[in-house]
Every structure is written in structure tokens, then in C-alpha cells.
Amino acid sequence: MKKNDLIFIGVAALLLAPFFVFDTVYQTYNQLNAEHGMILSFVKFAILATTGEAIGLRIKTGQYNAKGFGLIPRAIVWGFLGLTIKMAFVIFATGMPNFLAYMGMPEAIEAMKGGFTITKLITAFCISASMNLIYAPVMMTLHKVTDTHITMFDGKVSGLLKPIQFGKIFSEMNWDIQWNFVFKKTIPFFWIHAQYRCK
């Protein structure tokens, strides 16, 4: 393990520790999340998703950042993507139970408000499946486009002010990987289950 790995783990531990050690910190977080969900979504995705990308870069190259990678632009983009993800959670978490009720399962709406039941299990699965099959491919493709755009401008924040060349990026994207791995494997085998919550 390298020195930068130890620093990364140490900083992460220091930032996360208060949530586990002090109950008031965790309660404050929950309150802010309930009252200012969109703002918190921007902040959470900007930090956590960008950290995930930095870890991915570390696995591939041995570094948490690199010239042209653009940690700051990625964080800004992830913040805005986080807003759409939160919006999708709200839309599908409220819309799917109503759709199931429309389709002949009226207990689906109330099931999500109570304790664990088979109806709640089925409803939660339908929420996650619909969100990941309808919304996720669009978000994942947009994320790939923005990543490519950031790279095209050497990871500079100023690149975010430039028009995105959607046509050029779409024509040069590796659709084989996007379809056969990102869509066909990560969505059904990971994301649907990762976001399948019965609470």
C-alpha cells in the first residue's frame, strides 16, 4: 500500500467517523436530507461519486488524480446528475406504486408506508427495476458524454462552459461496451438490486 493510499483512507475515515461516533451528527444529516433533499443530493453525489471515479482511476493507473482527468469538473457534473437521480427516485417511488394500484394491486401504495410484507417486496423491486430500465440508460449515457467532454478539454473547469459536441461524442462512443456491459450487465445484475430498498 502506497503513502497516498494511507492518506486517502485516513482522510475518508476522519470525514466519516463523526456520523458513526456522534448520534447528533447523524440525526442532523437525516434532518437536512429530509428538509433539503435536492441540495444534499448535489453535495453527496459531487463527493461520493467523484470519489468512486478517483478510486477507479487509482485501480487502473495507481493514481487518484491525473492530468486531464478533471476531478473538479467531474464533481460539478456529478452534483447535477445527483439532482436528476434524486428526481428519478421521487418520481418512480411515488409513480410505480400508483401504477401497480392502477394495474390491480391497490395495496401497493400503503405497503410502502408500513413494515415488511411480500407486497412491499414486490413494489420495491418494481420501483427499482422501472427506474433502472427507463432512467438509468439515459443517465449513464449522459455521464459518458460529459466524461468525454471533460477529457476533451484536458479536465479544466472552463471546459464545462464550452458546448458539448453530442454528435461527435455519440459517433465515437464504444456502443458495444455501453450496450453489452454497461446496460446489459450492470443494470440487471447490480443496479436493480443495489437500489432495491424495502424501507
N, C-alpha and C. Protein backbone atom coordinates (compact mmCIF):
# COMPACT_ATOMS: atom_id res chain seq x y z
N MET A 1 0.84 -1.19 0.00
CA MET A 1 0.00 0.00 0.00
C MET A 1 0.88 1.24 0.00
N LYS A 2 0.55 2.17 -0.89
CA LYS A 2 1.36 3.37 -1.04
C LYS A 2 0.95 4.44 -0.03
N LYS A 3 1.83 5.46 0.08
CA LYS A 3 1.57 6.55 1.02
C LYS A 3 0.27 7.27 0.68
N ASN A 4 0.02 7.49 -0.62
CA ASN A 4 -1.21 8.20 -0.99
C ASN A 4 -2.47 7.39 -0.65
N ASP A 5 -2.34 6.06 -0.63
CA ASP A 5 -3.46 5.22 -0.22
C ASP A 5 -3.77 5.42 1.27
N LEU A 6 -2.71 5.47 2.07
CA LEU A 6 -2.88 5.66 3.52
C LEU A 6 -3.50 7.03 3.81
N ILE A 7 -3.05 8.04 3.06
CA ILE A 7 -3.61 9.39 3.23
C ILE A 7 -5.09 9.39 2.85
N PHE A 8 -5.41 8.75 1.72
CA PHE A 8 -6.79 8.67 1.25
C PHE A 8 -7.68 7.98 2.29
N ILE A 9 -7.24 6.84 2.81
CA ILE A 9 -8.02 6.10 3.80
C ILE A 9 -8.17 6.91 5.08
N GLY A 10 -7.09 7.59 5.50
CA GLY A 10 -7.12 8.40 6.72
C GLY A 10 -8.10 9.55 6.62
N VAL A 11 -8.08 10.25 5.49
CA VAL A 11 -9.00 11.39 5.28
C VAL A 11 -10.44 10.90 5.23
N ALA A 12 -10.66 9.79 4.52
CA ALA A 12 -12.01 9.22 4.44
C ALA A 12 -12.53 8.82 5.82
N ALA A 13 -11.67 8.20 6.61
CA ALA A 13 -12.06 7.77 7.95
C ALA A 13 -12.40 8.97 8.84
N LEU A 14 -11.59 10.03 8.74
CA LEU A 14 -11.84 11.24 9.55
C LEU A 14 -13.17 11.91 9.17
N LEU A 15 -13.48 11.90 7.89
CA LEU A 15 -14.71 12.54 7.43
C LEU A 15 -15.96 11.72 7.78
N LEU A 16 -15.81 10.40 7.78
CA LEU A 16 -16.97 9.54 8.04
C LEU A 16 -17.18 9.24 9.52
N ALA A 17 -16.11 9.29 10.30
CA ALA A 17 -16.19 8.91 11.72
C ALA A 17 -17.27 9.64 12.51
N PRO A 18 -17.42 10.97 12.36
CA PRO A 18 -18.45 11.67 13.16
C PRO A 18 -19.86 11.11 12.99
N PHE A 19 -20.17 10.55 11.79
CA PHE A 19 -21.50 10.01 11.55
C PHE A 19 -21.76 8.75 12.38
N PHE A 20 -20.68 8.05 12.72
CA PHE A 20 -20.80 6.81 13.49
C PHE A 20 -20.59 7.05 14.99
N VAL A 21 -19.78 8.03 15.31
CA VAL A 21 -19.43 8.28 16.72
C VAL A 21 -20.46 9.17 17.41
N PHE A 22 -20.91 10.22 16.72
CA PHE A 22 -21.83 11.18 17.33
C PHE A 22 -23.22 11.05 16.73
N ASP A 23 -24.16 10.65 17.55
CA ASP A 23 -25.53 10.45 17.08
C ASP A 23 -26.15 11.76 16.58
N THR A 24 -25.78 12.88 17.19
CA THR A 24 -26.33 14.18 16.78
C THR A 24 -25.94 14.52 15.34
N VAL A 25 -24.72 14.14 14.95
CA VAL A 25 -24.27 14.40 13.58
C VAL A 25 -25.13 13.62 12.60
N TYR A 26 -25.38 12.35 12.93
CA TYR A 26 -26.19 11.50 12.05
C TYR A 26 -27.63 12.00 11.99
N GLN A 27 -28.17 12.41 13.14
CA GLN A 27 -29.53 12.92 13.18
C GLN A 27 -29.66 14.23 12.39
N THR A 28 -28.64 15.08 12.51
CA THR A 28 -28.63 16.35 11.76
C THR A 28 -28.60 16.07 10.27
N TYR A 29 -27.79 15.09 9.88
CA TYR A 29 -27.72 14.70 8.46
C TYR A 29 -29.09 14.24 7.97
N ASN A 30 -29.75 13.38 8.74
CA ASN A 30 -31.07 12.88 8.35
C ASN A 30 -32.08 14.02 8.23
N GLN A 31 -32.00 14.97 9.15
CA GLN A 31 -32.92 16.11 9.11
C GLN A 31 -32.68 16.97 7.87
N LEU A 32 -31.41 17.26 7.60
CA LEU A 32 -31.08 18.05 6.41
C LEU A 32 -31.50 17.33 5.14
N ASN A 33 -31.30 16.02 5.14
CA ASN A 33 -31.66 15.22 3.97
C ASN A 33 -33.16 15.25 3.73
N ALA A 34 -33.94 15.25 4.83
CA ALA A 34 -35.40 15.29 4.71
C ALA A 34 -35.89 16.67 4.28
N GLU A 35 -35.24 17.72 4.80
CA GLU A 35 -35.71 19.09 4.54
C GLU A 35 -35.11 19.72 3.28
N HIS A 36 -33.91 19.28 2.91
CA HIS A 36 -33.22 19.86 1.75
C HIS A 36 -32.64 18.74 0.88
N GLY A 37 -33.52 17.84 0.46
CA GLY A 37 -33.09 16.64 -0.27
C GLY A 37 -32.31 16.93 -1.54
N MET A 38 -32.72 17.93 -2.29
CA MET A 38 -32.05 18.22 -3.56
C MET A 38 -30.64 18.77 -3.33
N ILE A 39 -30.53 19.69 -2.38
CA ILE A 39 -29.20 20.25 -2.07
C ILE A 39 -28.25 19.16 -1.59
N LEU A 40 -28.75 18.31 -0.68
CA LEU A 40 -27.92 17.22 -0.16
C LEU A 40 -27.56 16.23 -1.25
N SER A 41 -28.46 16.00 -2.20
CA SER A 41 -28.16 15.09 -3.31
C SER A 41 -27.02 15.64 -4.16
N PHE A 42 -27.05 16.94 -4.41
CA PHE A 42 -25.96 17.57 -5.17
C PHE A 42 -24.63 17.34 -4.45
N VAL A 43 -24.60 17.64 -3.16
CA VAL A 43 -23.37 17.53 -2.37
C VAL A 43 -22.90 16.08 -2.29
N LYS A 44 -23.83 15.16 -1.99
CA LYS A 44 -23.46 13.74 -1.82
C LYS A 44 -22.89 13.16 -3.10
N PHE A 45 -23.56 13.40 -4.23
CA PHE A 45 -23.07 12.84 -5.48
C PHE A 45 -21.77 13.51 -5.93
N ALA A 46 -21.67 14.81 -5.70
CA ALA A 46 -20.43 15.51 -6.05
C ALA A 46 -19.24 14.91 -5.32
N ILE A 47 -19.45 14.55 -4.04
CA ILE A 47 -18.34 14.00 -3.24
C ILE A 47 -18.17 12.50 -3.45
N LEU A 48 -19.25 11.75 -3.24
CA LEU A 48 -19.13 10.29 -3.24
C LEU A 48 -18.91 9.69 -4.63
N ALA A 49 -19.66 10.16 -5.62
CA ALA A 49 -19.49 9.60 -6.97
C ALA A 49 -18.13 9.97 -7.55
N THR A 50 -17.68 11.19 -7.28
CA THR A 50 -16.35 11.60 -7.76
C THR A 50 -15.26 10.81 -7.05
N THR A 51 -15.47 10.54 -5.77
CA THR A 51 -14.52 9.70 -5.03
C THR A 51 -14.45 8.31 -5.66
N GLY A 52 -15.61 7.79 -6.04
CA GLY A 52 -15.65 6.49 -6.71
C GLY A 52 -14.87 6.50 -8.01
N GLU A 53 -14.97 7.60 -8.76
CA GLU A 53 -14.20 7.70 -10.01
C GLU A 53 -12.71 7.79 -9.73
N ALA A 54 -12.35 8.50 -8.65
CA ALA A 54 -10.93 8.61 -8.28
C ALA A 54 -10.38 7.25 -7.88
N ILE A 55 -11.19 6.46 -7.18
CA ILE A 55 -10.76 5.10 -6.81
C ILE A 55 -10.61 4.24 -8.06
N GLY A 56 -11.54 4.39 -9.01
CA GLY A 56 -11.43 3.67 -10.27
C GLY A 56 -10.15 4.01 -11.01
N LEU A 57 -9.80 5.30 -11.02
CA LEU A 57 -8.56 5.74 -11.66
C LEU A 57 -7.36 5.15 -10.93
N ARG A 58 -7.43 5.10 -9.59
CA ARG A 58 -6.34 4.52 -8.79
C ARG A 58 -6.13 3.05 -9.15
N ILE A 59 -7.22 2.32 -9.33
CA ILE A 59 -7.13 0.90 -9.68
C ILE A 59 -6.48 0.73 -11.05
N LYS A 60 -6.82 1.61 -11.99
CA LYS A 60 -6.30 1.50 -13.35
C LYS A 60 -4.88 2.03 -13.51
N THR A 61 -4.58 3.15 -12.84
CA THR A 61 -3.30 3.83 -13.10
C THR A 61 -2.38 3.94 -11.89
N GLY A 62 -2.92 3.67 -10.69
CA GLY A 62 -2.10 3.83 -9.48
C GLY A 62 -2.16 5.23 -8.90
N GLN A 63 -2.97 6.11 -9.52
CA GLN A 63 -3.10 7.49 -9.04
C GLN A 63 -4.57 7.83 -8.81
N TYR A 64 -4.82 8.72 -7.83
CA TYR A 64 -6.18 9.15 -7.57
C TYR A 64 -6.58 10.33 -8.45
N ASN A 65 -5.61 10.96 -9.06
CA ASN A 65 -5.88 12.05 -9.98
C ASN A 65 -4.79 12.02 -11.04
N ALA A 66 -5.08 12.58 -12.18
CA ALA A 66 -4.10 12.60 -13.27
C ALA A 66 -4.38 13.81 -14.15
N LYS A 67 -3.36 14.20 -14.90
CA LYS A 67 -3.52 15.34 -15.81
C LYS A 67 -4.63 15.05 -16.80
N GLY A 68 -5.57 15.97 -16.92
CA GLY A 68 -6.67 15.81 -17.86
C GLY A 68 -7.86 15.05 -17.32
N PHE A 69 -7.73 14.47 -16.11
CA PHE A 69 -8.84 13.68 -15.55
C PHE A 69 -9.97 14.60 -15.10
N GLY A 70 -9.63 15.71 -14.47
CA GLY A 70 -10.63 16.72 -14.11
C GLY A 70 -11.51 16.37 -12.94
N LEU A 71 -10.92 16.24 -11.76
CA LEU A 71 -11.71 15.91 -10.57
C LEU A 71 -12.79 16.96 -10.27
N ILE A 72 -12.44 18.23 -10.35
CA ILE A 72 -13.40 19.30 -10.04
C ILE A 72 -14.54 19.33 -11.05
N PRO A 73 -14.26 19.33 -12.35
CA PRO A 73 -15.38 19.29 -13.31
C PRO A 73 -16.26 18.06 -13.15
N ARG A 74 -15.64 16.92 -12.84
CA ARG A 74 -16.42 15.69 -12.63
C ARG A 74 -17.33 15.84 -11.42
N ALA A 75 -16.81 16.48 -10.36
CA ALA A 75 -17.61 16.68 -9.15
C ALA A 75 -18.82 17.58 -9.46
N ILE A 76 -18.59 18.63 -10.25
CA ILE A 76 -19.68 19.54 -10.61
C ILE A 76 -20.74 18.80 -11.42
N VAL A 77 -20.29 18.03 -12.41
CA VAL A 77 -21.23 17.27 -13.25
C VAL A 77 -21.99 16.25 -12.40
N TRP A 78 -21.26 15.55 -11.51
CA TRP A 78 -21.92 14.56 -10.66
C TRP A 78 -22.95 15.22 -9.74
N GLY A 79 -22.67 16.44 -9.31
CA GLY A 79 -23.64 17.15 -8.50
C GLY A 79 -24.95 17.34 -9.25
N PHE A 80 -24.85 17.77 -10.50
CA PHE A 80 -26.07 17.97 -11.30
C PHE A 80 -26.73 16.64 -11.66
N LEU A 81 -25.92 15.62 -11.94
CA LEU A 81 -26.50 14.29 -12.17
C LEU A 81 -27.23 13.81 -10.92
N GLY A 82 -26.66 14.14 -9.75
CA GLY A 82 -27.29 13.78 -8.49
C GLY A 82 -28.69 14.36 -8.35
N LEU A 83 -28.88 15.57 -8.87
CA LEU A 83 -30.21 16.18 -8.84
C LEU A 83 -31.20 15.37 -9.66
N THR A 84 -30.76 14.90 -10.83
CA THR A 84 -31.66 14.10 -11.67
C THR A 84 -31.91 12.73 -11.05
N ILE A 85 -30.90 12.19 -10.37
CA ILE A 85 -31.07 10.88 -9.71
C ILE A 85 -32.08 10.99 -8.58
N LYS A 86 -31.98 12.06 -7.78
CA LYS A 86 -32.95 12.28 -6.70
C LYS A 86 -34.35 12.46 -7.28
N MET A 87 -34.45 13.22 -8.36
CA MET A 87 -35.73 13.42 -9.01
C MET A 87 -36.31 12.08 -9.46
N ALA A 88 -35.46 11.22 -10.05
CA ALA A 88 -35.92 9.91 -10.52
C ALA A 88 -36.40 9.04 -9.35
N PHE A 89 -35.67 9.08 -8.23
CA PHE A 89 -36.10 8.33 -7.05
C PHE A 89 -37.50 8.75 -6.61
N VAL A 90 -37.73 10.06 -6.56
CA VAL A 90 -39.03 10.57 -6.12
C VAL A 90 -40.13 10.17 -7.10
N ILE A 91 -39.86 10.35 -8.39
CA ILE A 91 -40.86 10.05 -9.41
C ILE A 91 -41.23 8.57 -9.42
N PHE A 92 -40.23 7.70 -9.44
CA PHE A 92 -40.52 6.27 -9.52
C PHE A 92 -41.03 5.70 -8.20
N ALA A 93 -40.55 6.24 -7.07
CA ALA A 93 -41.01 5.74 -5.76
C ALA A 93 -42.47 6.09 -5.51
N THR A 94 -42.95 7.17 -6.11
CA THR A 94 -44.36 7.53 -5.95
C THR A 94 -45.20 7.05 -7.13
N GLY A 95 -44.63 7.08 -8.32
CA GLY A 95 -45.37 6.70 -9.52
C GLY A 95 -45.61 5.21 -9.66
N MET A 96 -44.60 4.37 -9.36
CA MET A 96 -44.77 2.93 -9.55
C MET A 96 -45.84 2.34 -8.64
N PRO A 97 -45.89 2.68 -7.32
CA PRO A 97 -46.98 2.15 -6.50
C PRO A 97 -48.36 2.54 -7.05
N ASN A 98 -48.49 3.76 -7.58
CA ASN A 98 -49.75 4.19 -8.17
C ASN A 98 -50.05 3.41 -9.44
N PHE A 99 -49.01 3.13 -10.22
CA PHE A 99 -49.21 2.33 -11.44
C PHE A 99 -49.63 0.91 -11.09
N LEU A 100 -48.98 0.32 -10.06
CA LEU A 100 -49.36 -1.03 -9.63
C LEU A 100 -50.81 -1.05 -9.14
N ALA A 101 -51.21 0.02 -8.43
CA ALA A 101 -52.60 0.11 -7.98
C ALA A 101 -53.54 0.18 -9.18
N TYR A 102 -53.15 0.94 -10.18
CA TYR A 102 -53.93 1.06 -11.42
C TYR A 102 -54.05 -0.29 -12.13
N MET A 103 -52.99 -1.11 -12.02
CA MET A 103 -52.96 -2.41 -12.68
C MET A 103 -53.62 -3.51 -11.85
N GLY A 104 -54.22 -3.16 -10.73
CA GLY A 104 -54.96 -4.15 -9.96
C GLY A 104 -54.31 -4.57 -8.65
N MET A 105 -53.33 -3.81 -8.18
CA MET A 105 -52.69 -4.12 -6.90
C MET A 105 -52.81 -2.90 -6.00
N PRO A 106 -54.01 -2.55 -5.56
CA PRO A 106 -54.25 -1.31 -4.81
C PRO A 106 -53.47 -1.22 -3.49
N GLU A 107 -53.10 -2.36 -2.92
CA GLU A 107 -52.38 -2.36 -1.65
C GLU A 107 -50.93 -1.91 -1.78
N ALA A 108 -50.44 -1.73 -3.01
CA ALA A 108 -49.03 -1.34 -3.23
C ALA A 108 -48.70 0.02 -2.62
N ILE A 109 -49.64 0.95 -2.68
CA ILE A 109 -49.39 2.31 -2.17
C ILE A 109 -49.16 2.29 -0.67
N GLU A 110 -50.07 1.64 0.06
CA GLU A 110 -49.96 1.59 1.51
C GLU A 110 -48.82 0.69 1.96
N ALA A 111 -48.49 -0.32 1.16
CA ALA A 111 -47.45 -1.27 1.54
C ALA A 111 -46.11 -0.59 1.76
N MET A 112 -45.81 0.45 0.97
CA MET A 112 -44.52 1.13 1.09
C MET A 112 -44.43 2.00 2.33
N LYS A 113 -45.55 2.20 3.02
CA LYS A 113 -45.54 3.05 4.22
C LYS A 113 -45.38 2.23 5.50
N GLY A 114 -45.58 0.92 5.42
CA GLY A 114 -45.55 0.09 6.62
C GLY A 114 -44.32 -0.79 6.71
N GLY A 115 -44.44 -1.83 7.55
CA GLY A 115 -43.34 -2.78 7.73
C GLY A 115 -43.23 -3.73 6.56
N PHE A 116 -42.32 -4.70 6.70
CA PHE A 116 -42.05 -5.62 5.60
C PHE A 116 -43.24 -6.55 5.33
N THR A 117 -43.60 -6.62 4.05
CA THR A 117 -44.60 -7.58 3.57
C THR A 117 -44.16 -8.03 2.18
N ILE A 118 -44.76 -9.10 1.69
CA ILE A 118 -44.45 -9.56 0.32
C ILE A 118 -44.85 -8.50 -0.69
N THR A 119 -45.96 -7.83 -0.44
CA THR A 119 -46.41 -6.74 -1.34
C THR A 119 -45.37 -5.63 -1.39
N LYS A 120 -44.82 -5.30 -0.23
CA LYS A 120 -43.79 -4.26 -0.18
C LYS A 120 -42.55 -4.70 -0.94
N LEU A 121 -42.19 -5.95 -0.80
CA LEU A 121 -41.03 -6.51 -1.52
C LEU A 121 -41.22 -6.40 -3.02
N ILE A 122 -42.39 -6.80 -3.49
CA ILE A 122 -42.69 -6.74 -4.92
C ILE A 122 -42.70 -5.30 -5.42
N THR A 123 -43.32 -4.41 -4.64
CA THR A 123 -43.41 -3.00 -5.03
C THR A 123 -42.04 -2.36 -5.09
N ALA A 124 -41.20 -2.64 -4.07
CA ALA A 124 -39.85 -2.08 -4.05
C ALA A 124 -39.04 -2.55 -5.25
N PHE A 125 -39.19 -3.84 -5.59
CA PHE A 125 -38.48 -4.36 -6.76
C PHE A 125 -38.95 -3.67 -8.03
N CYS A 126 -40.26 -3.47 -8.16
CA CYS A 126 -40.81 -2.80 -9.35
C CYS A 126 -40.32 -1.35 -9.45
N ILE A 127 -40.20 -0.68 -8.32
CA ILE A 127 -39.69 0.70 -8.30
C ILE A 127 -38.26 0.72 -8.84
N SER A 128 -37.41 -0.15 -8.29
CA SER A 128 -36.01 -0.17 -8.70
C SER A 128 -35.86 -0.60 -10.15
N ALA A 129 -36.60 -1.65 -10.55
CA ALA A 129 -36.49 -2.15 -11.92
C ALA A 129 -36.92 -1.10 -12.93
N SER A 130 -38.06 -0.44 -12.67
CA SER A 130 -38.55 0.56 -13.62
C SER A 130 -37.59 1.74 -13.72
N MET A 131 -37.07 2.20 -12.58
CA MET A 131 -36.15 3.33 -12.59
C MET A 131 -34.87 2.99 -13.36
N ASN A 132 -34.36 1.79 -13.12
CA ASN A 132 -33.09 1.42 -13.75
C ASN A 132 -33.23 1.04 -15.22
N LEU A 133 -34.41 0.60 -15.62
CA LEU A 133 -34.61 0.24 -17.01
C LEU A 133 -35.03 1.44 -17.87
N ILE A 134 -35.68 2.43 -17.24
CA ILE A 134 -36.16 3.60 -18.00
C ILE A 134 -35.20 4.78 -17.88
N TYR A 135 -34.81 5.12 -16.66
CA TYR A 135 -34.00 6.32 -16.43
C TYR A 135 -32.49 6.06 -16.53
N ALA A 136 -32.03 4.95 -15.95
CA ALA A 136 -30.58 4.70 -15.84
C ALA A 136 -29.84 4.72 -17.18
N PRO A 137 -30.35 4.10 -18.26
CA PRO A 137 -29.59 4.14 -19.52
C PRO A 137 -29.36 5.56 -20.02
N VAL A 138 -30.35 6.44 -19.85
CA VAL A 138 -30.21 7.83 -20.27
C VAL A 138 -29.14 8.52 -19.43
N MET A 139 -29.22 8.34 -18.10
CA MET A 139 -28.25 8.97 -17.20
C MET A 139 -26.84 8.45 -17.46
N MET A 140 -26.71 7.14 -17.65
CA MET A 140 -25.38 6.55 -17.90
C MET A 140 -24.78 7.04 -19.20
N THR A 141 -25.61 7.20 -20.21
CA THR A 141 -25.11 7.71 -21.49
C THR A 141 -24.70 9.17 -21.35
N LEU A 142 -25.53 9.97 -20.67
CA LEU A 142 -25.17 11.37 -20.45
C LEU A 142 -23.88 11.48 -19.64
N HIS A 143 -23.72 10.60 -18.65
CA HIS A 143 -22.49 10.60 -17.85
C HIS A 143 -21.27 10.30 -18.72
N LYS A 144 -21.40 9.35 -19.64
CA LYS A 144 -20.31 9.02 -20.55
C LYS A 144 -19.99 10.21 -21.45
N VAL A 145 -21.03 10.88 -21.92
CA VAL A 145 -20.84 12.05 -22.78
C VAL A 145 -20.10 13.15 -22.03
N THR A 146 -20.53 13.43 -20.79
CA THR A 146 -19.88 14.51 -20.02
C THR A 146 -18.45 14.15 -19.65
N ASP A 147 -18.20 12.88 -19.34
CA ASP A 147 -16.82 12.44 -19.07
C ASP A 147 -15.93 12.69 -20.28
N THR A 148 -16.44 12.33 -21.46
CA THR A 148 -15.68 12.52 -22.69
C THR A 148 -15.44 14.01 -22.94
N HIS A 149 -16.46 14.82 -22.71
CA HIS A 149 -16.36 16.27 -22.88
C HIS A 149 -15.28 16.84 -21.95
N ILE A 150 -15.27 16.41 -20.71
CA ILE A 150 -14.26 16.89 -19.75
C ILE A 150 -12.86 16.52 -20.21
N THR A 151 -12.71 15.30 -20.70
CA THR A 151 -11.40 14.83 -21.19
C THR A 151 -10.96 15.64 -22.41
N MET A 152 -11.91 15.97 -23.28
CA MET A 152 -11.60 16.73 -24.49
C MET A 152 -11.00 18.10 -24.16
N PHE A 153 -11.36 18.65 -22.99
CA PHE A 153 -10.85 19.96 -22.58
C PHE A 153 -9.85 19.83 -21.44
N ASP A 154 -9.11 18.70 -21.44
CA ASP A 154 -8.00 18.46 -20.51
C ASP A 154 -8.38 18.59 -19.04
N GLY A 155 -9.62 18.29 -18.72
CA GLY A 155 -10.04 18.29 -17.32
C GLY A 155 -10.14 19.67 -16.70
N LYS A 156 -10.22 20.71 -17.53
CA LYS A 156 -10.31 22.08 -17.00
C LYS A 156 -11.76 22.44 -16.70
N VAL A 157 -11.96 23.19 -15.61
CA VAL A 157 -13.30 23.63 -15.24
C VAL A 157 -13.91 24.49 -16.35
N SER A 158 -13.07 25.26 -17.03
CA SER A 158 -13.56 26.13 -18.11
C SER A 158 -14.19 25.33 -19.24
N GLY A 159 -13.82 24.07 -19.36
CA GLY A 159 -14.39 23.21 -20.39
C GLY A 159 -15.89 23.01 -20.22
N LEU A 160 -16.37 23.15 -18.98
CA LEU A 160 -17.80 22.99 -18.74
C LEU A 160 -18.62 24.13 -19.34
N LEU A 161 -17.94 25.24 -19.67
CA LEU A 161 -18.63 26.38 -20.28
C LEU A 161 -18.68 26.26 -21.80
N LYS A 162 -18.01 25.24 -22.34
CA LYS A 162 -17.99 25.02 -23.79
C LYS A 162 -19.17 24.14 -24.19
N PRO A 163 -19.70 24.35 -25.40
CA PRO A 163 -20.81 23.49 -25.86
C PRO A 163 -20.36 22.03 -25.98
N ILE A 164 -21.22 21.12 -25.58
CA ILE A 164 -20.91 19.70 -25.69
C ILE A 164 -21.19 19.25 -27.12
N GLN A 165 -20.21 18.60 -27.73
CA GLN A 165 -20.34 18.14 -29.11
C GLN A 165 -21.02 16.76 -29.11
N PHE A 166 -22.32 16.75 -28.88
CA PHE A 166 -23.05 15.49 -28.74
C PHE A 166 -22.89 14.58 -29.96
N GLY A 167 -23.05 15.14 -31.16
CA GLY A 167 -22.95 14.33 -32.37
C GLY A 167 -21.60 13.64 -32.50
N LYS A 168 -20.53 14.41 -32.28
CA LYS A 168 -19.16 13.86 -32.38
C LYS A 168 -18.94 12.79 -31.32
N ILE A 169 -19.35 13.07 -30.09
CA ILE A 169 -19.13 12.12 -28.99
C ILE A 169 -19.95 10.86 -29.21
N PHE A 170 -21.22 11.01 -29.63
CA PHE A 170 -22.06 9.84 -29.89
C PHE A 170 -21.45 8.96 -30.98
N SER A 171 -20.94 9.58 -32.02
CA SER A 171 -20.40 8.81 -33.15
C SER A 171 -19.11 8.08 -32.77
N GLU A 172 -18.40 8.59 -31.76
CA GLU A 172 -17.13 7.98 -31.37
C GLU A 172 -17.23 7.09 -30.13
N MET A 173 -18.42 7.03 -29.52
CA MET A 173 -18.59 6.21 -28.33
C MET A 173 -18.48 4.72 -28.66
N ASN A 174 -17.99 3.94 -27.70
CA ASN A 174 -17.93 2.49 -27.88
C ASN A 174 -19.28 1.92 -27.44
N TRP A 175 -20.21 1.86 -28.40
CA TRP A 175 -21.57 1.41 -28.08
C TRP A 175 -21.61 -0.07 -27.76
N ASP A 176 -20.61 -0.82 -28.21
CA ASP A 176 -20.55 -2.25 -27.88
C ASP A 176 -20.41 -2.43 -26.37
N ILE A 177 -19.48 -1.67 -25.77
CA ILE A 177 -19.29 -1.73 -24.32
C ILE A 177 -20.50 -1.13 -23.60
N GLN A 178 -20.99 0.02 -24.11
CA GLN A 178 -22.12 0.68 -23.48
C GLN A 178 -23.34 -0.24 -23.42
N TRP A 179 -23.61 -0.95 -24.51
CA TRP A 179 -24.77 -1.83 -24.55
C TRP A 179 -24.50 -3.17 -23.86
N ASN A 180 -23.44 -3.84 -24.28
CA ASN A 180 -23.21 -5.21 -23.81
C ASN A 180 -22.69 -5.32 -22.38
N PHE A 181 -22.05 -4.27 -21.87
CA PHE A 181 -21.58 -4.33 -20.48
C PHE A 181 -22.38 -3.40 -19.58
N VAL A 182 -22.36 -2.10 -19.89
CA VAL A 182 -22.99 -1.12 -19.00
C VAL A 182 -24.49 -1.37 -18.87
N PHE A 183 -25.18 -1.53 -20.00
CA PHE A 183 -26.63 -1.71 -19.95
C PHE A 183 -27.04 -3.16 -19.62
N LYS A 184 -26.47 -4.11 -20.36
CA LYS A 184 -26.94 -5.50 -20.25
C LYS A 184 -26.43 -6.23 -19.01
N LYS A 185 -25.35 -5.74 -18.40
CA LYS A 185 -24.81 -6.46 -17.25
C LYS A 185 -24.93 -5.67 -15.95
N THR A 186 -24.48 -4.41 -15.95
CA THR A 186 -24.50 -3.68 -14.67
C THR A 186 -25.91 -3.35 -14.21
N ILE A 187 -26.82 -3.05 -15.15
CA ILE A 187 -28.19 -2.69 -14.74
C ILE A 187 -28.94 -3.90 -14.15
N PRO A 188 -29.07 -5.01 -14.90
CA PRO A 188 -29.85 -6.13 -14.33
C PRO A 188 -29.16 -6.88 -13.20
N PHE A 189 -27.83 -6.95 -13.23
CA PHE A 189 -27.13 -7.77 -12.24
C PHE A 189 -26.60 -6.99 -11.04
N PHE A 190 -26.57 -5.66 -11.14
CA PHE A 190 -26.08 -4.88 -9.99
C PHE A 190 -27.06 -3.79 -9.57
N TRP A 191 -27.32 -2.83 -10.47
CA TRP A 191 -28.03 -1.62 -10.05
C TRP A 191 -29.46 -1.86 -9.59
N ILE A 192 -30.19 -2.74 -10.27
CA ILE A 192 -31.56 -3.01 -9.83
C ILE A 192 -31.57 -3.52 -8.39
N HIS A 193 -30.60 -4.39 -8.06
CA HIS A 193 -30.55 -4.98 -6.73
C HIS A 193 -29.94 -4.01 -5.71
N ALA A 194 -28.99 -3.20 -6.16
CA ALA A 194 -28.34 -2.24 -5.24
C ALA A 194 -29.32 -1.18 -4.77
N GLN A 195 -30.28 -0.83 -5.62
CA GLN A 195 -31.23 0.23 -5.27
C GLN A 195 -32.61 -0.33 -4.92
N TYR A 196 -32.65 -1.61 -4.61
CA TYR A 196 -33.88 -2.33 -4.29
C TYR A 196 -34.08 -2.24 -2.78
N ARG A 197 -34.82 -1.23 -2.34
CA ARG A 197 -34.95 -0.97 -0.90
C ARG A 197 -36.39 -1.17 -0.44
N CYS A 198 -36.52 -1.86 0.67
CA CYS A 198 -37.86 -2.14 1.23
C CYS A 198 -38.10 -1.36 2.50
N LYS A 199 -37.58 -0.14 2.59
CA LYS A 199 -37.80 0.61 3.83
C LYS A 199 -38.75 1.77 3.59
